[in-house]
Amino acid sequence: MPRERIKRKRKEKEWYSVLAPHMFGKAKIAETLADDPEKVKGRNIEVSFQDLTNDFAKSHMKLKFKIVDTKGSEANTVFIGHSLTSDYIKRMSRKHKSKVDGVFDVRTKDGIRVRIKPSALAGKRLQTSQKRAIRVILKETIEKEAKTRNFESFIKLMLDGELGKEAYRLSKKIYPIKRVEIYKSEILEIPKVEAIVEEEEVEEAGGTERPVEETHEASEGEEAAAGDVADGDFESDTGESEEEAESEDATGEESGTEEEMVKEEAEEAAEETAIENTGDSEAAEENEEEKKKS
């Protein structure tokens, strides 16, 4: 007997918006199609840096992202590296006669390992000792910047070209090279990067702490409420009624008003005596003037 064909109902595919990491402003970089959110995870996305910054000068840089999580129709990514276009590298190496390459594995301040591949370009041929000295400077510069910066600030420093400028400035002491380019980078520990992204998403979802001033005001309010409760408990323990408390307040106010009246009367009496004294002194002065005239 022929086998009956079993028709399986295919699940409809959905479009997922791929978002850049928090360090790139959560910008939408691509769209991907899948019938299951789990199938979206692990996909790699490559986009030009020009698409994120709208800067034509960054069109030769390609950024690589990896999808690590999905929420609804959005897919979150992490930065896993970058590279320069092949035509840009060939054009730069053709202009210069000598090139010093390096591959360095560094660790950022927050413990993420990154592989950096710089290249120093010179206008003339370099000696082997000069290449060795320039390569040492490149390594020391990159390691120093990585140790003093976290992952996000180090990646921004590299993509903005500031890392290459610092290495270029120090390498000029050995030989007047033309420029230093970071032509490729690679993240070696993606799971740790995933953990950082998850913490950021939790904070954005409402887990951020309130400002210090607000928490301080809340603590004062709680202390005030606790004080009111404590006073109420004390009154209930002593057995004093509200009427007795009101009568005590009234007597306290009366005593306060009597003290104020006494003070006012004393001040008025002092003013009167001062006026009398001034009047007597003026009369004495007038008598002395009349005696002098006579």
C-alpha atoms as a PDB file:
ATOM      1  CA  MET A   1       0.000   0.000   0.000  1.00  0.00           C
ATOM      2  CA  PRO A   2       1.309   3.478  -0.784  1.00  0.00           C
ATOM      3  CA  ARG A   3       2.247   5.615   2.157  1.00  0.00           C
ATOM      4  CA  GLU A   4      -0.068   8.417   2.967  1.00  0.00           C
ATOM      5  CA  ARG A   5       1.555  11.796   2.868  1.00  0.00           C
ATOM      6  CA  ILE A   6       1.205  13.680   6.112  1.00  0.00           C
ATOM      7  CA  LYS A   7       0.654  17.369   5.543  1.00  0.00           C
ATOM      8  CA  ARG A   8       2.242  19.414   8.274  1.00  0.00           C
ATOM      9  CA  LYS A   9       0.948  22.856   8.816  1.00  0.00           C
ATOM     10  CA  ARG A  10       3.765  25.303   8.406  1.00  0.00           C
ATOM     11  CA  LYS A  11       4.043  28.089  10.908  1.00  0.00           C
ATOM     12  CA  GLU A  12       3.875  31.552   9.411  1.00  0.00           C
ATOM     13  CA  LYS A  13       7.134  33.473   9.404  1.00  0.00           C
ATOM     14  CA  GLU A  14       7.429  36.869  11.031  1.00  0.00           C
ATOM     15  CA  TRP A  15       9.710  39.845  10.515  1.00  0.00           C
ATOM     16  CA  TYR A  16      12.009  40.810  13.390  1.00  0.00           C
ATOM     17  CA  SER A  17      13.604  44.255  13.702  1.00  0.00           C
ATOM     18  CA  VAL A  18      17.307  43.925  14.509  1.00  0.00           C
ATOM     19  CA  LEU A  19      18.477  46.626  16.938  1.00  0.00           C
ATOM     20  CA  ALA A  20      22.022  47.797  17.566  1.00  0.00           C
ATOM     21  CA  PRO A  21      23.446  47.595  21.120  1.00  0.00           C
ATOM     22  CA  HIS A  22      22.949  50.314  23.703  1.00  0.00           C
ATOM     23  CA  MET A  23      26.323  51.893  22.866  1.00  0.00           C
ATOM     24  CA  PHE A  24      25.032  52.645  19.345  1.00  0.00           C
ATOM     25  CA  GLY A  25      21.727  54.115  20.502  1.00  0.00           C
ATOM     26  CA  LYS A  26      19.503  51.056  19.895  1.00  0.00           C
ATOM     27  CA  ALA A  27      19.199  52.032  16.229  1.00  0.00           C
ATOM     28  CA  LYS A  28      17.439  49.708  13.797  1.00  0.00           C
ATOM     29  CA  ILE A  29      20.090  48.140  11.554  1.00  0.00           C
ATOM     30  CA  ALA A  30      18.261  45.355   9.699  1.00  0.00           C
ATOM     31  CA  GLU A  31      15.244  43.046   9.517  1.00  0.00           C
ATOM     32  CA  THR A  32      15.242  39.262   9.552  1.00  0.00           C
ATOM     33  CA  LEU A  33      12.578  36.651   8.837  1.00  0.00           C
ATOM     34  CA  ALA A  34      11.904  33.545  10.965  1.00  0.00           C
ATOM     35  CA  ASP A  35       9.033  31.295  12.064  1.00  0.00           C
ATOM     36  CA  ASP A  36      10.441  30.862  15.579  1.00  0.00           C
ATOM     37  CA  PRO A  37      12.186  33.424  17.849  1.00  0.00           C
ATOM     38  CA  GLU A  38      14.774  30.812  18.839  1.00  0.00           C
ATOM     39  CA  LYS A  39      15.920  30.542  15.237  1.00  0.00           C
ATOM     40  CA  VAL A  40      16.758  34.241  15.195  1.00  0.00           C
ATOM     41  CA  LYS A  41      19.334  33.905  17.966  1.00  0.00           C
ATOM     42  CA  GLY A  42      22.902  33.421  16.793  1.00  0.00           C
ATOM     43  CA  ARG A  43      22.492  35.174  13.457  1.00  0.00           C
ATOM     44  CA  ASN A  44      25.235  37.622  12.463  1.00  0.00           C
ATOM     45  CA  ILE A  45      24.513  41.020  10.957  1.00  0.00           C
ATOM     46  CA  GLU A  46      27.039  43.159   9.081  1.00  0.00           C
ATOM     47  CA  VAL A  47      26.319  46.853   8.526  1.00  0.00           C
ATOM     48  CA  SER A  48      28.307  49.860   7.377  1.00  0.00           C
ATOM     49  CA  PHE A  49      29.290  52.374  10.043  1.00  0.00           C
ATOM     50  CA  GLN A  50      27.961  55.062   7.718  1.00  0.00           C
ATOM     51  CA  ASP A  51      24.415  53.727   8.173  1.00  0.00           C
ATOM     52  CA  LEU A  52      24.625  54.355  11.930  1.00  0.00           C
ATOM     53  CA  THR A  53      26.359  57.747  11.915  1.00  0.00           C
ATOM     54  CA  ASN A  54      25.313  59.193   8.507  1.00  0.00           C
ATOM     55  CA  ASP A  55      28.994  60.077   8.049  1.00  0.00           C
ATOM     56  CA  PHE A  56      30.329  59.325   4.572  1.00  0.00           C
ATOM     57  CA  ALA A  57      33.910  59.273   5.923  1.00  0.00           C
ATOM     58  CA  LYS A  58      33.011  56.078   7.850  1.00  0.00           C
ATOM     59  CA  SER A  59      31.731  54.184   4.796  1.00  0.00           C
ATOM     60  CA  HIS A  60      34.878  51.988   4.636  1.00  0.00           C
ATOM     61  CA  MET A  61      34.182  50.491   8.096  1.00  0.00           C
ATOM     62  CA  LYS A  62      31.947  47.433   8.498  1.00  0.00           C
ATOM     63  CA  LEU A  63      30.517  46.599  11.924  1.00  0.00           C
ATOM     64  CA  LYS A  64      29.527  43.074  12.916  1.00  0.00           C
ATOM     65  CA  PHE A  65      26.729  42.273  15.365  1.00  0.00           C
ATOM     66  CA  LYS A  66      25.309  39.033  16.726  1.00  0.00           C
ATOM     67  CA  ILE A  67      21.687  38.493  17.788  1.00  0.00           C
ATOM     68  CA  VAL A  68      21.533  37.213  21.376  1.00  0.00           C
ATOM     69  CA  ASP A  69      17.947  37.833  22.490  1.00  0.00           C
ATOM     70  CA  THR A  70      14.442  38.534  21.153  1.00  0.00           C
ATOM     71  CA  LYS A  71      11.570  40.440  22.751  1.00  0.00           C
ATOM     72  CA  GLY A  72       8.366  40.462  20.777  1.00  0.00           C
ATOM     73  CA  SER A  73       9.247  41.565  17.254  1.00  0.00           C
ATOM     74  CA  GLU A  74      12.613  43.052  18.273  1.00  0.00           C
ATOM     75  CA  ALA A  75      15.977  41.293  18.237  1.00  0.00           C
ATOM     76  CA  ASN A  76      18.793  42.607  20.446  1.00  0.00           C
ATOM     77  CA  THR A  77      22.414  42.326  19.367  1.00  0.00           C
ATOM     78  CA  VAL A  78      25.948  42.647  20.729  1.00  0.00           C
ATOM     79  CA  PHE A  79      29.020  44.056  19.005  1.00  0.00           C
ATOM     80  CA  ILE A  80      31.414  41.272  17.984  1.00  0.00           C
ATOM     81  CA  GLY A  81      33.956  43.129  15.834  1.00  0.00           C
ATOM     82  CA  HIS A  82      34.667  45.335  12.861  1.00  0.00           C
ATOM     83  CA  SER A  83      36.790  45.353   9.724  1.00  0.00           C
ATOM     84  CA  LEU A  84      37.804  47.690   6.910  1.00  0.00           C
ATOM     85  CA  THR A  85      36.754  47.053   3.332  1.00  0.00           C
ATOM     86  CA  SER A  86      39.270  45.231   1.151  1.00  0.00           C
ATOM     87  CA  ASP A  87      39.441  47.979  -1.479  1.00  0.00           C
ATOM     88  CA  TYR A  88      40.279  50.557   1.222  1.00  0.00           C
ATOM     89  CA  ILE A  89      43.114  48.382   2.601  1.00  0.00           C
ATOM     90  CA  LYS A  90      44.538  47.774  -0.885  1.00  0.00           C
ATOM     91  CA  ARG A  91      44.399  51.455  -1.738  1.00  0.00           C
ATOM     92  CA  MET A  92      46.214  52.446   1.481  1.00  0.00           C
ATOM     93  CA  SER A  93      48.906  49.761   1.142  1.00  0.00           C
ATOM     94  CA  ARG A  94      49.496  50.699  -2.499  1.00  0.00           C
ATOM     95  CA  LYS A  95      50.258  54.307  -1.586  1.00  0.00           C
ATOM     96  CA  HIS A  96      52.828  53.354   1.052  1.00  0.00           C
ATOM     97  CA  LYS A  97      55.859  51.164   0.510  1.00  0.00           C
ATOM     98  CA  SER A  98      56.133  49.660   3.973  1.00  0.00           C
ATOM     99  CA  LYS A  99      53.581  48.364   6.480  1.00  0.00           C
ATOM    100  CA  VAL A 100      53.863  47.157  10.080  1.00  0.00           C
ATOM    101  CA  ASP A 101      51.068  44.793  11.151  1.00  0.00           C
ATOM    102  CA  GLY A 102      50.281  43.415  14.595  1.00  0.00           C
ATOM    103  CA  VAL A 103      47.822  41.125  16.369  1.00  0.00           C
ATOM    104  CA  PHE A 104      47.278  41.864  20.066  1.00  0.00           C
ATOM    105  CA  ASP A 105      44.869  40.304  22.568  1.00  0.00           C
ATOM    106  CA  VAL A 106      43.985  42.837  25.268  1.00  0.00           C
ATOM    107  CA  ARG A 107      41.555  42.871  28.180  1.00  0.00           C
ATOM    108  CA  THR A 108      39.395  45.888  28.996  1.00  0.00           C
ATOM    109  CA  LYS A 109      38.838  47.315  32.466  1.00  0.00           C
ATOM    110  CA  ASP A 110      35.618  45.303  32.906  1.00  0.00           C
ATOM    111  CA  GLY A 111      37.310  42.022  31.920  1.00  0.00           C
ATOM    112  CA  ILE A 112      36.338  41.540  28.252  1.00  0.00           C
ATOM    113  CA  ARG A 113      39.011  40.176  25.912  1.00  0.00           C
ATOM    114  CA  VAL A 114      39.344  41.877  22.538  1.00  0.00           C
ATOM    115  CA  ARG A 115      41.659  41.037  19.639  1.00  0.00           C
ATOM    116  CA  ILE A 116      42.986  44.170  17.907  1.00  0.00           C
ATOM    117  CA  LYS A 117      44.816  44.168  14.564  1.00  0.00           C
ATOM    118  CA  PRO A 118      46.547  47.516  13.858  1.00  0.00           C
ATOM    119  CA  SER A 119      48.634  48.493  10.874  1.00  0.00           C
ATOM    120  CA  ALA A 120      51.232  51.291  10.678  1.00  0.00           C
ATOM    121  CA  LEU A 121      51.864  52.644   7.168  1.00  0.00           C
ATOM    122  CA  ALA A 122      55.100  54.332   6.122  1.00  0.00           C
ATOM    123  CA  GLY A 123      56.152  56.121   2.938  1.00  0.00           C
ATOM    124  CA  LYS A 124      59.517  54.334   2.637  1.00  0.00           C
ATOM    125  CA  ARG A 125      60.878  50.922   3.412  1.00  0.00           C
ATOM    126  CA  LEU A 126      61.618  50.343   7.105  1.00  0.00           C
ATOM    127  CA  GLN A 127      64.395  48.392   8.685  1.00  0.00           C
ATOM    128  CA  THR A 128      63.626  45.316  10.753  1.00  0.00           C
ATOM    129  CA  SER A 129      64.641  47.031  13.993  1.00  0.00           C
ATOM    130  CA  GLN A 130      62.361  49.986  13.224  1.00  0.00           C
ATOM    131  CA  LYS A 131      59.438  47.667  12.536  1.00  0.00           C
ATOM    132  CA  ARG A 132      60.077  45.851  15.800  1.00  0.00           C
ATOM    133  CA  ALA A 133      60.183  49.113  17.789  1.00  0.00           C
ATOM    134  CA  ILE A 134      56.975  50.421  16.159  1.00  0.00           C
ATOM    135  CA  ARG A 135      55.198  47.119  16.848  1.00  0.00           C
ATOM    136  CA  VAL A 136      56.157  47.362  20.537  1.00  0.00           C
ATOM    137  CA  ILE A 137      54.744  50.901  20.711  1.00  0.00           C
ATOM    138  CA  LEU A 138      51.486  49.753  19.087  1.00  0.00           C
ATOM    139  CA  LYS A 139      51.109  46.941  21.610  1.00  0.00           C
ATOM    140  CA  GLU A 140      51.865  49.112  24.660  1.00  0.00           C
ATOM    141  CA  THR A 141      49.497  51.864  23.512  1.00  0.00           C
ATOM    142  CA  ILE A 142      46.578  49.512  22.882  1.00  0.00           C
ATOM    143  CA  GLU A 143      47.083  47.632  26.162  1.00  0.00           C
ATOM    144  CA  LYS A 144      47.295  50.878  28.148  1.00  0.00           C
ATOM    145  CA  GLU A 145      44.046  52.258  26.686  1.00  0.00           C
ATOM    146  CA  ALA A 146      42.247  48.943  27.206  1.00  0.00           C
ATOM    147  CA  LYS A 147      43.225  48.662  30.882  1.00  0.00           C
ATOM    148  CA  THR A 148      41.982  52.161  31.717  1.00  0.00           C
ATOM    149  CA  ARG A 149      38.646  51.954  29.856  1.00  0.00           C
ATOM    150  CA  ASN A 150      35.562  49.771  29.948  1.00  0.00           C
ATOM    151  CA  PHE A 151      34.343  47.847  26.906  1.00  0.00           C
ATOM    152  CA  GLU A 152      32.029  50.511  25.479  1.00  0.00           C
ATOM    153  CA  SER A 153      34.440  53.456  25.794  1.00  0.00           C
ATOM    154  CA  PHE A 154      37.310  51.385  24.348  1.00  0.00           C
ATOM    155  CA  ILE A 155      35.253  50.378  21.296  1.00  0.00           C
ATOM    156  CA  LYS A 156      34.163  53.984  20.733  1.00  0.00           C
ATOM    157  CA  LEU A 157      37.798  55.132  21.008  1.00  0.00           C
ATOM    158  CA  MET A 158      38.802  52.554  18.398  1.00  0.00           C
ATOM    159  CA  LEU A 159      35.978  53.266  15.935  1.00  0.00           C
ATOM    160  CA  ASP A 160      36.388  57.048  16.170  1.00  0.00           C
ATOM    161  CA  GLY A 161      40.055  56.709  15.181  1.00  0.00           C
ATOM    162  CA  GLU A 162      41.432  58.176  18.418  1.00  0.00           C
ATOM    163  CA  LEU A 163      43.249  54.942  19.273  1.00  0.00           C
ATOM    164  CA  GLY A 164      45.086  54.992  15.942  1.00  0.00           C
ATOM    165  CA  LYS A 165      45.955  58.677  16.379  1.00  0.00           C
ATOM    166  CA  GLU A 166      47.536  58.028  19.787  1.00  0.00           C
ATOM    167  CA  ALA A 167      49.611  55.138  18.396  1.00  0.00           C
ATOM    168  CA  TYR A 168      50.599  57.305  15.412  1.00  0.00           C
ATOM    169  CA  ARG A 169      51.785  60.125  17.678  1.00  0.00           C
ATOM    170  CA  LEU A 170      54.041  57.805  19.688  1.00  0.00           C
ATOM    171  CA  SER A 171      55.353  55.874  16.664  1.00  0.00           C
ATOM    172  CA  LYS A 172      56.579  59.050  14.956  1.00  0.00           C
ATOM    173  CA  LYS A 173      59.451  59.101  17.442  1.00  0.00           C
ATOM    174  CA  ILE A 174      60.873  55.977  15.785  1.00  0.00           C
ATOM    175  CA  TYR A 175      60.121  56.866  12.164  1.00  0.00           C
ATOM    176  CA  PRO A 176      57.901  59.492  10.500  1.00  0.00           C
ATOM    177  CA  ILE A 177      55.124  57.080   9.487  1.00  0.00           C
ATOM    178  CA  LYS A 178      52.059  58.327   7.600  1.00  0.00           C
ATOM    179  CA  ARG A 179      49.205  56.851   9.638  1.00  0.00           C
ATOM    180  CA  VAL A 180      48.018  54.011  11.883  1.00  0.00           C
ATOM    181  CA  GLU A 181      44.793  52.124  11.135  1.00  0.00           C
ATOM    182  CA  ILE A 182      42.955  49.522  13.234  1.00  0.00           C
ATOM    183  CA  TYR A 183      41.912  47.421  10.273  1.00  0.00           C
ATOM    184  CA  LYS A 184      40.171  44.650  12.247  1.00  0.00           C
ATOM    185  CA  SER A 185      38.864  43.814  15.722  1.00  0.00           C
ATOM    186  CA  GLU A 186      37.240  40.754  17.231  1.00  0.00           C
ATOM    187  CA  ILE A 187      35.499  40.071  20.554  1.00  0.00           C
ATOM    188  CA  LEU A 188      36.852  36.861  22.078  1.00  0.00           C
ATOM    189  CA  GLU A 189      34.417  36.473  24.996  1.00  0.00           C
ATOM    190  CA  ILE A 190      30.879  36.956  23.738  1.00  0.00           C
ATOM    191  CA  PRO A 191      29.088  35.361  26.777  1.00  0.00           C
ATOM    192  CA  LYS A 192      30.382  38.131  29.062  1.00  0.00           C
ATOM    193  CA  VAL A 193      29.165  40.731  26.605  1.00  0.00           C
ATOM    194  CA  GLU A 194      25.737  39.052  26.694  1.00  0.00           C
ATOM    195  CA  ALA A 195      25.645  39.418  30.481  1.00  0.00           C
ATOM    196  CA  ILE A 196      26.367  43.145  30.203  1.00  0.00           C
ATOM    197  CA  VAL A 197      23.560  43.607  27.676  1.00  0.00           C
ATOM    198  CA  GLU A 198      21.097  41.737  29.901  1.00  0.00           C
ATOM    199  CA  GLU A 199      21.941  43.994  32.868  1.00  0.00           C
ATOM    200  CA  GLU A 200      21.386  47.099  30.733  1.00  0.00           C
ATOM    201  CA  GLU A 201      18.015  45.790  29.546  1.00  0.00           C
ATOM    202  CA  VAL A 202      16.922  45.104  33.127  1.00  0.00           C
ATOM    203  CA  GLU A 203      17.788  48.673  34.100  1.00  0.00           C
ATOM    204  CA  GLU A 204      15.899  50.076  31.096  1.00  0.00           C
ATOM    205  CA  ALA A 205      12.871  47.917  31.945  1.00  0.00           C
ATOM    206  CA  GLY A 206      12.409  49.747  35.247  1.00  0.00           C
ATOM    207  CA  GLY A 207      15.010  48.286  37.556  1.00  0.00           C
ATOM    208  CA  THR A 208      17.039  51.476  37.754  1.00  0.00           C
ATOM    209  CA  GLU A 209      17.578  53.017  41.144  1.00  0.00           C
ATOM    210  CA  ARG A 210      15.927  56.281  42.030  1.00  0.00           C
ATOM    211  CA  PRO A 211      18.029  59.409  42.587  1.00  0.00           C
ATOM    212  CA  VAL A 212      19.596  59.884  45.991  1.00  0.00           C
ATOM    213  CA  GLU A 213      17.462  62.918  46.815  1.00  0.00           C
ATOM    214  CA  GLU A 214      14.225  61.018  46.205  1.00  0.00           C
ATOM    215  CA  THR A 215      15.275  58.081  48.331  1.00  0.00           C
ATOM    216  CA  HIS A 216      16.349  60.479  51.093  1.00  0.00           C
ATOM    217  CA  GLU A 217      12.946  62.205  51.054  1.00  0.00           C
ATOM    218  CA  ALA A 218      11.213  58.861  51.161  1.00  0.00           C
ATOM    219  CA  SER A 219      13.292  57.797  54.145  1.00  0.00           C
ATOM    220  CA  GLU A 220      12.375  60.995  55.993  1.00  0.00           C
ATOM    221  CA  GLY A 221       8.702  60.372  55.275  1.00  0.00           C
ATOM    222  CA  GLU A 222       9.003  56.836  56.549  1.00  0.00           C
ATOM    223  CA  GLU A 223      10.690  58.102  59.718  1.00  0.00           C
ATOM    224  CA  ALA A 224       7.917  60.645  60.197  1.00  0.00           C
ATOM    225  CA  ALA A 225       5.264  57.976  59.726  1.00  0.00           C
ATOM    226  CA  ALA A 226       7.087  55.686  62.120  1.00  0.00           C
ATOM    227  CA  GLY A 227       7.261  58.528  64.665  1.00  0.00           C
ATOM    228  CA  ASP A 228       3.520  59.125  64.385  1.00  0.00           C
ATOM    229  CA  VAL A 229       2.822  55.463  64.934  1.00  0.00           C
ATOM    230  CA  ALA A 230       5.155  55.391  67.917  1.00  0.00           C
ATOM    231  CA  ASP A 231       3.460  58.449  69.461  1.00  0.00           C
ATOM    232  CA  GLY A 232       0.064  56.843  68.979  1.00  0.00           C
ATOM    233  CA  ASP A 233       1.229  53.675  70.674  1.00  0.00           C
ATOM    234  CA  PHE A 234       2.637  55.689  73.580  1.00  0.00           C
ATOM    235  CA  GLU A 235      -0.668  57.542  74.094  1.00  0.00           C
ATOM    236  CA  SER A 236      -2.642  54.332  74.014  1.00  0.00           C
ATOM    237  CA  ASP A 237      -0.292  52.757  76.554  1.00  0.00           C
ATOM    238  CA  THR A 238      -0.500  55.670  78.993  1.00  0.00           C
ATOM    239  CA  GLY A 239      -4.278  55.814  78.655  1.00  0.00           C
ATOM    240  CA  GLU A 240      -4.467  59.558  77.891  1.00  0.00           C
ATOM    241  CA  SER A 241      -7.521  60.591  75.909  1.00  0.00           C
ATOM    242  CA  GLU A 242      -7.652  63.066  73.057  1.00  0.00           C
ATOM    243  CA  GLU A 243      -9.574  65.573  75.214  1.00  0.00           C
ATOM    244  CA  GLU A 244      -6.793  65.615  77.821  1.00  0.00           C
ATOM    245  CA  ALA A 245      -4.211  66.184  75.115  1.00  0.00           C
ATOM    246  CA  GLU A 246      -6.264  69.070  73.703  1.00  0.00           C
ATOM    247  CA  SER A 247      -6.626  70.646  77.164  1.00  0.00           C
ATOM    248  CA  GLU A 248      -2.855  70.404  77.685  1.00  0.00           C
ATOM    249  CA  ASP A 249      -2.288  72.090  74.343  1.00  0.00           C
ATOM    250  CA  ALA A 250      -4.758  74.843  75.279  1.00  0.00           C
ATOM    251  CA  THR A 251      -3.043  75.477  78.637  1.00  0.00           C
ATOM    252  CA  GLY A 252       0.288  75.526  76.868  1.00  0.00           C
ATOM    253  CA  GLU A 253      -0.981  78.133  74.421  1.00  0.00           C
ATOM    254  CA  GLU A 254      -2.428  80.276  77.266  1.00  0.00           C
ATOM    255  CA  SER A 255       0.834  80.179  79.177  1.00  0.00           C
ATOM    256  CA  GLY A 256       2.666  81.145  76.016  1.00  0.00           C
ATOM    257  CA  THR A 257       0.346  84.119  75.391  1.00  0.00           C
ATOM    258  CA  GLU A 258       0.751  85.334  79.023  1.00  0.00           C
ATOM    259  CA  GLU A 259       4.534  85.254  78.714  1.00  0.00           C
ATOM    260  CA  GLU A 260       4.335  87.202  75.486  1.00  0.00           C
ATOM    261  CA  MET A 261       2.114  89.875  77.106  1.00  0.00           C
ATOM    262  CA  VAL A 262       4.556  90.271  80.010  1.00  0.00           C
ATOM    263  CA  LYS A 263       7.431  90.716  77.592  1.00  0.00           C
ATOM    264  CA  GLU A 264       5.522  93.334  75.576  1.00  0.00           C
ATOM    265  CA  GLU A 265       4.679  95.313  78.730  1.00  0.00           C
ATOM    266  CA  ALA A 266       8.319  95.256  79.845  1.00  0.00           C
ATOM    267  CA  GLU A 267       9.451  96.478  76.428  1.00  0.00           C
ATOM    268  CA  GLU A 268       6.895  99.357  76.487  1.00  0.00           C
ATOM    269  CA  ALA A 269       8.047 100.429  79.952  1.00  0.00           C
ATOM    270  CA  ALA A 270      11.662 100.414  78.820  1.00  0.00           C
ATOM    271  CA  GLU A 271      10.788 102.574  75.808  1.00  0.00           C
ATOM    272  CA  GLU A 272       8.928 105.093  78.019  1.00  0.00           C
ATOM    273  CA  THR A 273      11.865 105.422  80.427  1.00  0.00           C
ATOM    274  CA  ALA A 274      14.215 105.892  77.489  1.00  0.00           C
ATOM    275  CA  ILE A 275      11.988 108.679  76.131  1.00  0.00           C
ATOM    276  CA  GLU A 276      11.840 110.398  79.545  1.00  0.00           C
ATOM    277  CA  ASN A 277      15.619 110.243  79.880  1.00  0.00           C
ATOM    278  CA  THR A 278      16.095 111.768  76.427  1.00  0.00           C
ATOM    279  CA  GLY A 279      13.566 114.535  77.346  1.00  0.00           C
ATOM    280  CA  ASP A 280      15.419 115.352  80.581  1.00  0.00           C
ATOM    281  CA  SER A 281      18.761 115.499  78.786  1.00  0.00           C
ATOM    282  CA  GLU A 282      17.371 117.873  76.151  1.00  0.00           C
ATOM    283  CA  ALA A 283      15.895 120.187  78.872  1.00  0.00           C
ATOM    284  CA  ALA A 284      19.234 120.281  80.713  1.00  0.00           C
ATOM    285  CA  GLU A 285      21.044 121.250  77.532  1.00  0.00           C
ATOM    286  CA  GLU A 286      18.562 124.102  76.900  1.00  0.00           C
ATOM    287  CA  ASN A 287      19.094 125.462  80.467  1.00  0.00           C
ATOM    288  CA  GLU A 288      22.857 125.450  79.995  1.00  0.00           C
ATOM    289  CA  GLU A 289      22.571 127.379  76.701  1.00  0.00           C
ATOM    290  CA  GLU A 290      20.302 130.026  78.333  1.00  0.00           C
ATOM    291  CA  LYS A 291      22.814 130.482  81.179  1.00  0.00           C
ATOM    292  CA  LYS A 292      25.657 131.000  78.687  1.00  0.00           C
ATOM    293  CA  LYS A 293      23.630 133.632  76.759  1.00  0.00           C
ATOM    294  CA  SER A 294      22.737 135.523  79.931  1.00  0.00           C
END
